Amino acid sequence: MGANKSRARLFDFTVRSNERVAEDSFAMLVECEVAPLLSPGEFVEVSVPGDASQLLRVPLSFSRADAEASTLRIEYAVVGDGTRRLSQMRPGDASTLVGPCGHGWRLPAAAGRALVVAGGIGIPPVVAAAEMLAAAGVRFDAVVAAKTAGRIVGPDVELLRAAAQGDADFRLAVATDDGSAGVRALASAPVAELLGERAYACVYTCGPAPMMAGVSAAAQAAGVACQASLERMMACGFGVCGGCNVAMADGSMKSCCMDGPVFDAKEVLW
């Protein structure tokens, strides 16, 4: 389990908006005092009202935390009863969340351009990474992949473009499994192409595990550092339940909620 001391505590939040942004995917803007405390790549554990028998909170990532406005843009896919009830929350509804949870993205150790890679609903923390890079003056390119065009979170793609504003060399590649948007390919194809054409200091990725394994392998083959935000069911958020353990390449186990969710990709046993 993770040895890092958690900074998380309980906060009230109020829903400002909750809108569908892609097929089965929603973006919820909440007002919450946790916003100024969050760093890109961290997550929050949300209590979803409506079912007293559901004791566990839902771990959710965010694309943007506005410290000045105390707002948080949380994004999620409807995959079960908890997220279904979350999608039914309306402006003015309230609940609680625990945060900040986990450890987020780190700036590149070396100078140079970065590459951010998102798969499906893994795009929110990638947007947060892009905005972190832009704020630090690090230019980046982006790859966005999904099964179909309908599953691409359009507002987040626009946030990536906005973060890269002013960079005439910015490149954005879109890939879908069925070719309904961008190129018909897995994310690893445009990633390998960009790694072969440009020099990068670091790759940042979040999405399905097979996608991230391919991205990690491509980055390692190119000699480029890679950070991966892993998706696990982080039930407790404090490294106690053991449900989010991650197998590491050295044979050890780490806790996704405490040691991650962002890991050095080469250290993960994919």
C-alpha atoms as a PDB file:
ATOM      1  CA  MET A   1       0.000   0.000   0.000  1.00  0.00           C
ATOM      2  CA  GLY A   2       1.012   3.595  -0.450  1.00  0.00           C
ATOM      3  CA  ALA A   3       3.216   5.156   2.187  1.00  0.00           C
ATOM      4  CA  ASN A   4       2.352   8.723   1.211  1.00  0.00           C
ATOM      5  CA  LYS A   5       0.324  10.709   3.707  1.00  0.00           C
ATOM      6  CA  SER A   6      -3.056  11.733   2.315  1.00  0.00           C
ATOM      7  CA  ARG A   7      -4.050  15.405   2.209  1.00  0.00           C
ATOM      8  CA  ALA A   8      -7.678  14.491   1.533  1.00  0.00           C
ATOM      9  CA  ARG A   9     -10.578  15.724   3.617  1.00  0.00           C
ATOM     10  CA  LEU A  10     -14.342  16.081   3.314  1.00  0.00           C
ATOM     11  CA  PHE A  11     -15.932  18.968   1.394  1.00  0.00           C
ATOM     12  CA  ASP A  12     -19.490  19.963   0.537  1.00  0.00           C
ATOM     13  CA  PHE A  13     -20.239  20.714  -3.108  1.00  0.00           C
ATOM     14  CA  THR A  14     -23.113  22.188  -5.096  1.00  0.00           C
ATOM     15  CA  VAL A  15     -23.861  21.344  -8.711  1.00  0.00           C
ATOM     16  CA  ARG A  16     -23.800  24.276 -11.111  1.00  0.00           C
ATOM     17  CA  SER A  17     -24.339  22.277 -14.310  1.00  0.00           C
ATOM     18  CA  ASN A  18     -24.356  18.646 -15.423  1.00  0.00           C
ATOM     19  CA  GLU A  19     -24.443  18.088 -19.175  1.00  0.00           C
ATOM     20  CA  ARG A  20     -23.910  15.276 -21.647  1.00  0.00           C
ATOM     21  CA  VAL A  21     -20.696  15.907 -23.604  1.00  0.00           C
ATOM     22  CA  ALA A  22     -20.421  12.632 -25.545  1.00  0.00           C
ATOM     23  CA  GLU A  23     -22.144   9.284 -25.848  1.00  0.00           C
ATOM     24  CA  ASP A  24     -22.736   8.110 -22.243  1.00  0.00           C
ATOM     25  CA  SER A  25     -20.340  10.786 -20.944  1.00  0.00           C
ATOM     26  CA  PHE A  26     -21.107  13.839 -18.819  1.00  0.00           C
ATOM     27  CA  ALA A  27     -19.319  16.919 -17.507  1.00  0.00           C
ATOM     28  CA  MET A  28     -20.408  18.270 -14.140  1.00  0.00           C
ATOM     29  CA  LEU A  29     -19.377  21.717 -12.943  1.00  0.00           C
ATOM     30  CA  VAL A  30     -19.479  21.936  -9.164  1.00  0.00           C
ATOM     31  CA  GLU A  31     -18.770  24.694  -6.689  1.00  0.00           C
ATOM     32  CA  CYS A  32     -16.475  23.360  -3.987  1.00  0.00           C
ATOM     33  CA  GLU A  33     -13.742  24.690  -1.714  1.00  0.00           C
ATOM     34  CA  VAL A  34     -11.464  21.807  -2.728  1.00  0.00           C
ATOM     35  CA  ALA A  35     -10.765  23.477  -6.091  1.00  0.00           C
ATOM     36  CA  PRO A  36      -7.837  25.681  -4.946  1.00  0.00           C
ATOM     37  CA  LEU A  37      -6.168  22.646  -3.336  1.00  0.00           C
ATOM     38  CA  LEU A  38      -6.165  20.355  -6.373  1.00  0.00           C
ATOM     39  CA  SER A  39      -3.235  19.746  -8.695  1.00  0.00           C
ATOM     40  CA  PRO A  40      -3.568  18.431 -12.280  1.00  0.00           C
ATOM     41  CA  GLY A  41      -3.870  14.640 -12.370  1.00  0.00           C
ATOM     42  CA  GLU A  42      -5.242  14.223  -8.850  1.00  0.00           C
ATOM     43  CA  PHE A  43      -8.820  13.017  -8.290  1.00  0.00           C
ATOM     44  CA  VAL A  44     -11.787  13.306  -5.941  1.00  0.00           C
ATOM     45  CA  GLU A  45     -14.095  10.731  -4.346  1.00  0.00           C
ATOM     46  CA  VAL A  46     -17.742  11.738  -4.794  1.00  0.00           C
ATOM     47  CA  SER A  47     -20.704  10.668  -2.662  1.00  0.00           C
ATOM     48  CA  VAL A  48     -23.682  10.177  -5.003  1.00  0.00           C
ATOM     49  CA  PRO A  49     -27.078  10.701  -3.327  1.00  0.00           C
ATOM     50  CA  GLY A  50     -30.115   8.544  -4.011  1.00  0.00           C
ATOM     51  CA  ASP A  51     -29.160   5.127  -2.620  1.00  0.00           C
ATOM     52  CA  ALA A  52     -28.381   4.792   1.091  1.00  0.00           C
ATOM     53  CA  SER A  53     -27.080   1.264   0.517  1.00  0.00           C
ATOM     54  CA  GLN A  54     -24.195   2.529  -1.612  1.00  0.00           C
ATOM     55  CA  LEU A  55     -21.548   3.266   0.986  1.00  0.00           C
ATOM     56  CA  LEU A  56     -18.575   3.715  -1.308  1.00  0.00           C
ATOM     57  CA  ARG A  57     -17.768   6.952  -3.063  1.00  0.00           C
ATOM     58  CA  VAL A  58     -17.080   7.190  -6.798  1.00  0.00           C
ATOM     59  CA  PRO A  59     -13.515   8.179  -7.804  1.00  0.00           C
ATOM     60  CA  LEU A  60     -13.586  10.803 -10.550  1.00  0.00           C
ATOM     61  CA  SER A  61     -10.977  12.822 -12.410  1.00  0.00           C
ATOM     62  CA  PHE A  62     -11.261  16.443 -13.459  1.00  0.00           C
ATOM     63  CA  SER A  63     -10.187  18.523 -16.411  1.00  0.00           C
ATOM     64  CA  ARG A  64     -10.095  21.900 -14.721  1.00  0.00           C
ATOM     65  CA  ALA A  65     -10.005  23.268 -11.173  1.00  0.00           C
ATOM     66  CA  ASP A  66     -10.624  27.015 -10.997  1.00  0.00           C
ATOM     67  CA  ALA A  67      -9.088  28.244  -7.745  1.00  0.00           C
ATOM     68  CA  GLU A  68     -10.487  31.766  -8.063  1.00  0.00           C
ATOM     69  CA  ALA A  69     -14.075  30.688  -8.718  1.00  0.00           C
ATOM     70  CA  SER A  70     -13.835  27.576  -6.481  1.00  0.00           C
ATOM     71  CA  THR A  71     -15.258  25.424  -9.258  1.00  0.00           C
ATOM     72  CA  LEU A  72     -14.319  21.979 -10.471  1.00  0.00           C
ATOM     73  CA  ARG A  73     -15.124  20.405 -13.864  1.00  0.00           C
ATOM     74  CA  ILE A  74     -15.614  16.693 -13.202  1.00  0.00           C
ATOM     75  CA  GLU A  75     -16.112  14.310 -16.120  1.00  0.00           C
ATOM     76  CA  TYR A  76     -17.371  10.755 -16.079  1.00  0.00           C
ATOM     77  CA  ALA A  77     -18.862   7.938 -18.135  1.00  0.00           C
ATOM     78  CA  VAL A  78     -22.143   6.332 -17.129  1.00  0.00           C
ATOM     79  CA  VAL A  79     -21.072   2.750 -16.433  1.00  0.00           C
ATOM     80  CA  GLY A  80     -23.185   1.696 -13.440  1.00  0.00           C
ATOM     81  CA  ASP A  81     -25.871   2.728 -10.992  1.00  0.00           C
ATOM     82  CA  GLY A  82     -23.679   5.261  -9.174  1.00  0.00           C
ATOM     83  CA  THR A  83     -22.708   7.216 -12.271  1.00  0.00           C
ATOM     84  CA  ARG A  84     -26.273   6.878 -13.620  1.00  0.00           C
ATOM     85  CA  ARG A  85     -27.571   8.628 -10.500  1.00  0.00           C
ATOM     86  CA  LEU A  86     -24.739  11.148 -10.776  1.00  0.00           C
ATOM     87  CA  SER A  87     -25.927  11.991 -14.302  1.00  0.00           C
ATOM     88  CA  GLN A  88     -29.361  12.794 -12.871  1.00  0.00           C
ATOM     89  CA  MET A  89     -28.105  15.475 -10.487  1.00  0.00           C
ATOM     90  CA  ARG A  90     -29.316  18.953 -11.392  1.00  0.00           C
ATOM     91  CA  PRO A  91     -28.114  22.520 -10.734  1.00  0.00           C
ATOM     92  CA  GLY A  92     -28.598  23.293  -7.057  1.00  0.00           C
ATOM     93  CA  ASP A  93     -28.265  19.672  -5.926  1.00  0.00           C
ATOM     94  CA  ALA A  94     -25.637  19.094  -3.269  1.00  0.00           C
ATOM     95  CA  SER A  95     -23.518  16.317  -1.805  1.00  0.00           C
ATOM     96  CA  THR A  96     -20.007  15.756  -0.477  1.00  0.00           C
ATOM     97  CA  LEU A  97     -16.643  14.726  -1.876  1.00  0.00           C
ATOM     98  CA  VAL A  98     -13.250  13.806  -0.504  1.00  0.00           C
ATOM     99  CA  GLY A  99     -10.108  15.354  -1.928  1.00  0.00           C
ATOM    100  CA  PRO A 100      -7.441  16.095  -2.978  1.00  0.00           C
ATOM    101  CA  CYS A 101      -6.680  12.416  -3.603  1.00  0.00           C
ATOM    102  CA  GLY A 102      -3.591  10.795  -5.084  1.00  0.00           C
ATOM    103  CA  HIS A 103      -0.565  12.187  -6.857  1.00  0.00           C
ATOM    104  CA  GLY A 104      -0.825  13.933 -10.200  1.00  0.00           C
ATOM    105  CA  TRP A 105       1.257  14.893 -13.196  1.00  0.00           C
ATOM    106  CA  ARG A 106       4.822  16.139 -13.009  1.00  0.00           C
ATOM    107  CA  LEU A 107       6.401  18.634 -15.376  1.00  0.00           C
ATOM    108  CA  PRO A 108       8.970  17.152 -17.798  1.00  0.00           C
ATOM    109  CA  ALA A 109      12.397  16.590 -16.296  1.00  0.00           C
ATOM    110  CA  ALA A 110      14.000  17.746 -19.535  1.00  0.00           C
ATOM    111  CA  ALA A 111      13.352  20.724 -21.801  1.00  0.00           C
ATOM    112  CA  GLY A 112      11.360  20.199 -24.968  1.00  0.00           C
ATOM    113  CA  ARG A 113       7.910  19.594 -26.401  1.00  0.00           C
ATOM    114  CA  ALA A 114       5.485  17.168 -24.709  1.00  0.00           C
ATOM    115  CA  LEU A 115       2.912  14.785 -26.172  1.00  0.00           C
ATOM    116  CA  VAL A 116      -0.466  14.219 -24.443  1.00  0.00           C
ATOM    117  CA  VAL A 117      -2.497  11.128 -25.343  1.00  0.00           C
ATOM    118  CA  ALA A 118      -6.128  10.538 -24.341  1.00  0.00           C
ATOM    119  CA  GLY A 119      -8.317   7.517 -24.869  1.00  0.00           C
ATOM    120  CA  GLY A 120     -12.096   7.727 -24.375  1.00  0.00           C
ATOM    121  CA  ILE A 121     -13.144   9.216 -21.048  1.00  0.00           C
ATOM    122  CA  GLY A 122      -9.451   9.287 -20.075  1.00  0.00           C
ATOM    123  CA  ILE A 123      -9.321  12.753 -21.625  1.00  0.00           C
ATOM    124  CA  PRO A 124     -10.115  14.908 -18.505  1.00  0.00           C
ATOM    125  CA  PRO A 125      -6.749  14.437 -16.723  1.00  0.00           C
ATOM    126  CA  VAL A 126      -5.005  14.808 -20.095  1.00  0.00           C
ATOM    127  CA  VAL A 127      -6.659  18.216 -20.518  1.00  0.00           C
ATOM    128  CA  ALA A 128      -5.458  19.093 -17.011  1.00  0.00           C
ATOM    129  CA  ALA A 129      -1.935  18.005 -18.033  1.00  0.00           C
ATOM    130  CA  ALA A 130      -2.086  20.129 -21.187  1.00  0.00           C
ATOM    131  CA  GLU A 131      -3.147  23.215 -19.256  1.00  0.00           C
ATOM    132  CA  MET A 132      -0.396  22.560 -16.680  1.00  0.00           C
ATOM    133  CA  LEU A 133       2.166  22.349 -19.482  1.00  0.00           C
ATOM    134  CA  ALA A 134       0.858  25.500 -21.156  1.00  0.00           C
ATOM    135  CA  ALA A 135       0.991  27.429 -17.872  1.00  0.00           C
ATOM    136  CA  ALA A 136       4.641  26.373 -17.481  1.00  0.00           C
ATOM    137  CA  GLY A 137       5.484  27.456 -21.028  1.00  0.00           C
ATOM    138  CA  VAL A 138       5.892  23.873 -22.316  1.00  0.00           C
ATOM    139  CA  ARG A 139       4.536  23.349 -25.827  1.00  0.00           C
ATOM    140  CA  PHE A 140       2.747  20.110 -26.609  1.00  0.00           C
ATOM    141  CA  ASP A 141       1.007  18.025 -29.260  1.00  0.00           C
ATOM    142  CA  ALA A 142      -2.070  15.875 -28.646  1.00  0.00           C
ATOM    143  CA  VAL A 143      -3.572  12.555 -29.684  1.00  0.00           C
ATOM    144  CA  VAL A 144      -7.253  11.881 -28.935  1.00  0.00           C
ATOM    145  CA  ALA A 145      -8.634   8.379 -29.503  1.00  0.00           C
ATOM    146  CA  ALA A 146     -12.037   6.751 -29.009  1.00  0.00           C
ATOM    147  CA  LYS A 147     -14.090   3.828 -30.291  1.00  0.00           C
ATOM    148  CA  THR A 148     -16.350   6.083 -32.383  1.00  0.00           C
ATOM    149  CA  ALA A 149     -16.843   9.757 -33.187  1.00  0.00           C
ATOM    150  CA  GLY A 150     -19.772   9.847 -30.759  1.00  0.00           C
ATOM    151  CA  ARG A 151     -17.488   8.961 -27.871  1.00  0.00           C
ATOM    152  CA  ILE A 152     -15.062  11.813 -28.452  1.00  0.00           C
ATOM    153  CA  VAL A 153     -15.546  14.495 -25.805  1.00  0.00           C
ATOM    154  CA  GLY A 154     -15.718  17.500 -28.125  1.00  0.00           C
ATOM    155  CA  PRO A 155     -15.540  20.210 -25.430  1.00  0.00           C
ATOM    156  CA  ASP A 156     -12.308  18.688 -24.122  1.00  0.00           C
ATOM    157  CA  VAL A 157     -10.780  18.621 -27.598  1.00  0.00           C
ATOM    158  CA  GLU A 158     -11.520  22.341 -27.779  1.00  0.00           C
ATOM    159  CA  LEU A 159      -9.876  22.826 -24.379  1.00  0.00           C
ATOM    160  CA  LEU A 160      -6.752  21.142 -25.751  1.00  0.00           C
ATOM    161  CA  ARG A 161      -6.780  23.506 -28.738  1.00  0.00           C
ATOM    162  CA  ALA A 162      -7.263  26.479 -26.420  1.00  0.00           C
ATOM    163  CA  ALA A 163      -4.355  25.410 -24.210  1.00  0.00           C
ATOM    164  CA  ALA A 164      -2.120  25.267 -27.296  1.00  0.00           C
ATOM    165  CA  GLN A 165      -3.260  28.663 -28.555  1.00  0.00           C
ATOM    166  CA  GLY A 166      -0.376  30.647 -30.004  1.00  0.00           C
ATOM    167  CA  ASP A 167       1.661  27.565 -30.930  1.00  0.00           C
ATOM    168  CA  ALA A 168       1.733  27.535 -34.725  1.00  0.00           C
ATOM    169  CA  ASP A 169       3.422  24.117 -34.644  1.00  0.00           C
ATOM    170  CA  PHE A 170       0.701  22.464 -32.528  1.00  0.00           C
ATOM    171  CA  ARG A 171      -0.468  19.153 -33.932  1.00  0.00           C
ATOM    172  CA  LEU A 172      -3.650  17.322 -32.955  1.00  0.00           C
ATOM    173  CA  ALA A 173      -4.305  13.780 -34.189  1.00  0.00           C
ATOM    174  CA  VAL A 174      -7.709  12.103 -33.806  1.00  0.00           C
ATOM    175  CA  ALA A 175      -8.143   8.335 -34.149  1.00  0.00           C
ATOM    176  CA  THR A 176     -11.248   6.136 -33.894  1.00  0.00           C
ATOM    177  CA  ASP A 177     -11.594   2.369 -34.045  1.00  0.00           C
ATOM    178  CA  ASP A 178     -14.195   2.595 -36.833  1.00  0.00           C
ATOM    179  CA  GLY A 179     -12.802   5.594 -38.704  1.00  0.00           C
ATOM    180  CA  SER A 180     -15.876   7.743 -38.036  1.00  0.00           C
ATOM    181  CA  ALA A 181     -13.579  10.613 -36.963  1.00  0.00           C
ATOM    182  CA  GLY A 182      -9.939  11.229 -37.808  1.00  0.00           C
ATOM    183  CA  VAL A 183      -7.965   8.203 -38.925  1.00  0.00           C
ATOM    184  CA  ARG A 184      -9.123   4.624 -38.497  1.00  0.00           C
ATOM    185  CA  ALA A 185      -6.512   3.394 -36.054  1.00  0.00           C
ATOM    186  CA  LEU A 186      -5.669   2.720 -32.445  1.00  0.00           C
ATOM    187  CA  ALA A 187      -4.038   5.544 -30.495  1.00  0.00           C
ATOM    188  CA  SER A 188      -0.651   3.843 -30.767  1.00  0.00           C
ATOM    189  CA  ALA A 189      -0.506   4.498 -34.533  1.00  0.00           C
ATOM    190  CA  PRO A 190      -0.531   8.336 -34.472  1.00  0.00           C
ATOM    191  CA  VAL A 191       1.589   8.241 -31.299  1.00  0.00           C
ATOM    192  CA  ALA A 192       4.279   6.190 -33.052  1.00  0.00           C
ATOM    193  CA  GLU A 193       4.086   8.504 -36.062  1.00  0.00           C
ATOM    194  CA  LEU A 194       4.563  11.645 -33.995  1.00  0.00           C
ATOM    195  CA  LEU A 195       7.360  10.076 -31.944  1.00  0.00           C
ATOM    196  CA  GLY A 196       9.104   9.244 -35.205  1.00  0.00           C
ATOM    197  CA  GLU A 197       8.731  12.762 -36.598  1.00  0.00           C
ATOM    198  CA  ARG A 198       9.354  14.994 -33.589  1.00  0.00           C
ATOM    199  CA  ALA A 199      11.530  15.119 -30.503  1.00  0.00           C
ATOM    200  CA  TYR A 200       9.611  15.000 -27.236  1.00  0.00           C
ATOM    201  CA  ALA A 201      10.675  15.427 -23.632  1.00  0.00           C
ATOM    202  CA  CYS A 202       7.761  13.484 -22.147  1.00  0.00           C
ATOM    203  CA  VAL A 203       4.501  11.691 -22.977  1.00  0.00           C
ATOM    204  CA  TYR A 204       1.398  11.997 -20.791  1.00  0.00           C
ATOM    205  CA  THR A 205      -1.392   9.455 -21.226  1.00  0.00           C
ATOM    206  CA  CYS A 206      -4.696   8.328 -19.735  1.00  0.00           C
ATOM    207  CA  GLY A 207      -7.245   5.866 -21.097  1.00  0.00           C
ATOM    208  CA  PRO A 208      -7.875   2.116 -21.308  1.00  0.00           C
ATOM    209  CA  ALA A 209      -4.997  -0.022 -20.034  1.00  0.00           C
ATOM    210  CA  PRO A 210      -4.258  -1.702 -23.408  1.00  0.00           C
ATOM    211  CA  MET A 211      -4.007   1.718 -25.040  1.00  0.00           C
ATOM    212  CA  MET A 212      -1.659   3.032 -22.371  1.00  0.00           C
ATOM    213  CA  ALA A 213       0.463  -0.127 -22.601  1.00  0.00           C
ATOM    214  CA  GLY A 214       0.923   0.567 -26.320  1.00  0.00           C
ATOM    215  CA  VAL A 215       1.706   4.231 -25.722  1.00  0.00           C
ATOM    216  CA  SER A 216       4.190   3.315 -22.990  1.00  0.00           C
ATOM    217  CA  ALA A 217       5.920   0.792 -25.261  1.00  0.00           C
ATOM    218  CA  ALA A 218       6.143   3.338 -28.100  1.00  0.00           C
ATOM    219  CA  ALA A 219       7.582   5.985 -25.784  1.00  0.00           C
ATOM    220  CA  GLN A 220      10.106   3.569 -24.311  1.00  0.00           C
ATOM    221  CA  ALA A 221      11.190   2.467 -27.789  1.00  0.00           C
ATOM    222  CA  ALA A 222      11.735   6.125 -28.701  1.00  0.00           C
ATOM    223  CA  GLY A 223      13.653   6.802 -25.497  1.00  0.00           C
ATOM    224  CA  VAL A 224      11.042   9.266 -24.232  1.00  0.00           C
ATOM    225  CA  ALA A 225       9.828   9.480 -20.634  1.00  0.00           C
ATOM    226  CA  CYS A 226       6.156   8.589 -20.161  1.00  0.00           C
ATOM    227  CA  GLN A 227       3.695   9.280 -17.357  1.00  0.00           C
ATOM    228  CA  ALA A 228       0.452   7.275 -17.230  1.00  0.00           C
ATOM    229  CA  SER A 229      -2.684   7.998 -15.210  1.00  0.00           C
ATOM    230  CA  LEU A 230      -4.103   4.600 -14.355  1.00  0.00           C
ATOM    231  CA  GLU A 231      -7.788   3.788 -14.080  1.00  0.00           C
ATOM    232  CA  ARG A 232      -8.741   1.583 -11.137  1.00  0.00           C
ATOM    233  CA  MET A 233     -11.776   1.272  -8.877  1.00  0.00           C
ATOM    234  CA  MET A 234     -10.329   3.313  -6.025  1.00  0.00           C
ATOM    235  CA  ALA A 235     -13.053   2.408  -3.553  1.00  0.00           C
ATOM    236  CA  CYS A 236     -11.727   3.954  -0.342  1.00  0.00           C
ATOM    237  CA  GLY A 237      -9.244   6.517  -1.669  1.00  0.00           C
ATOM    238  CA  PHE A 238      -6.901   6.035   1.307  1.00  0.00           C
ATOM    239  CA  GLY A 239      -4.937   2.891   0.357  1.00  0.00           C
ATOM    240  CA  VAL A 240      -6.773   0.732   2.897  1.00  0.00           C
ATOM    241  CA  CYS A 241      -9.061  -1.572   0.915  1.00  0.00           C
ATOM    242  CA  GLY A 242      -6.449  -2.883  -1.538  1.00  0.00           C
ATOM    243  CA  GLY A 243      -8.928  -2.836  -4.399  1.00  0.00           C
ATOM    244  CA  CYS A 244      -6.810  -0.578  -6.607  1.00  0.00           C
ATOM    245  CA  ASN A 245      -3.438  -2.290  -6.283  1.00  0.00           C
ATOM    246  CA  VAL A 246      -1.136  -1.964  -9.301  1.00  0.00           C
ATOM    247  CA  ALA A 247       1.416  -4.620 -10.239  1.00  0.00           C
ATOM    248  CA  MET A 248       4.816  -3.086 -10.861  1.00  0.00           C
ATOM    249  CA  ALA A 249       7.551  -4.314 -13.185  1.00  0.00           C
ATOM    250  CA  ASP A 250       9.898  -4.968 -10.247  1.00  0.00           C
ATOM    251  CA  GLY A 251       7.440  -7.452  -8.708  1.00  0.00           C
ATOM    252  CA  SER A 252       6.057  -5.087  -6.071  1.00  0.00           C
ATOM    253  CA  MET A 253       2.515  -3.785  -5.674  1.00  0.00           C
ATOM    254  CA  LYS A 254       1.529  -0.157  -5.305  1.00  0.00           C
ATOM    255  CA  SER A 255      -1.724   1.534  -4.436  1.00  0.00           C
ATOM    256  CA  CYS A 256      -3.264   3.488  -7.304  1.00  0.00           C
ATOM    257  CA  CYS A 257      -5.107   5.888  -5.001  1.00  0.00           C
ATOM    258  CA  MET A 258      -2.082   6.731  -2.856  1.00  0.00           C
ATOM    259  CA  ASP A 259       1.004   6.130  -5.018  1.00  0.00           C
ATOM    260  CA  GLY A 260      -0.836   7.133  -8.213  1.00  0.00           C
ATOM    261  CA  PRO A 261      -2.985   7.529 -10.116  1.00  0.00           C
ATOM    262  CA  VAL A 262      -0.051   8.910 -12.144  1.00  0.00           C
ATOM    263  CA  PHE A 263       2.890   6.510 -12.469  1.00  0.00           C
ATOM    264  CA  ASP A 264       6.121   6.391 -14.416  1.00  0.00           C
ATOM    265  CA  ALA A 265       4.840   4.171 -17.221  1.00  0.00           C
ATOM    266  CA  LYS A 266       8.025   2.091 -17.505  1.00  0.00           C
ATOM    267  CA  GLU A 267       7.641   1.007 -13.867  1.00  0.00           C
ATOM    268  CA  VAL A 268       4.176  -0.495 -14.428  1.00  0.00           C
ATOM    269  CA  LEU A 269       3.717  -4.172 -15.282  1.00  0.00           C
ATOM    270  CA  TRP A 270       1.403  -3.798 -18.269  1.00  0.00           C
END
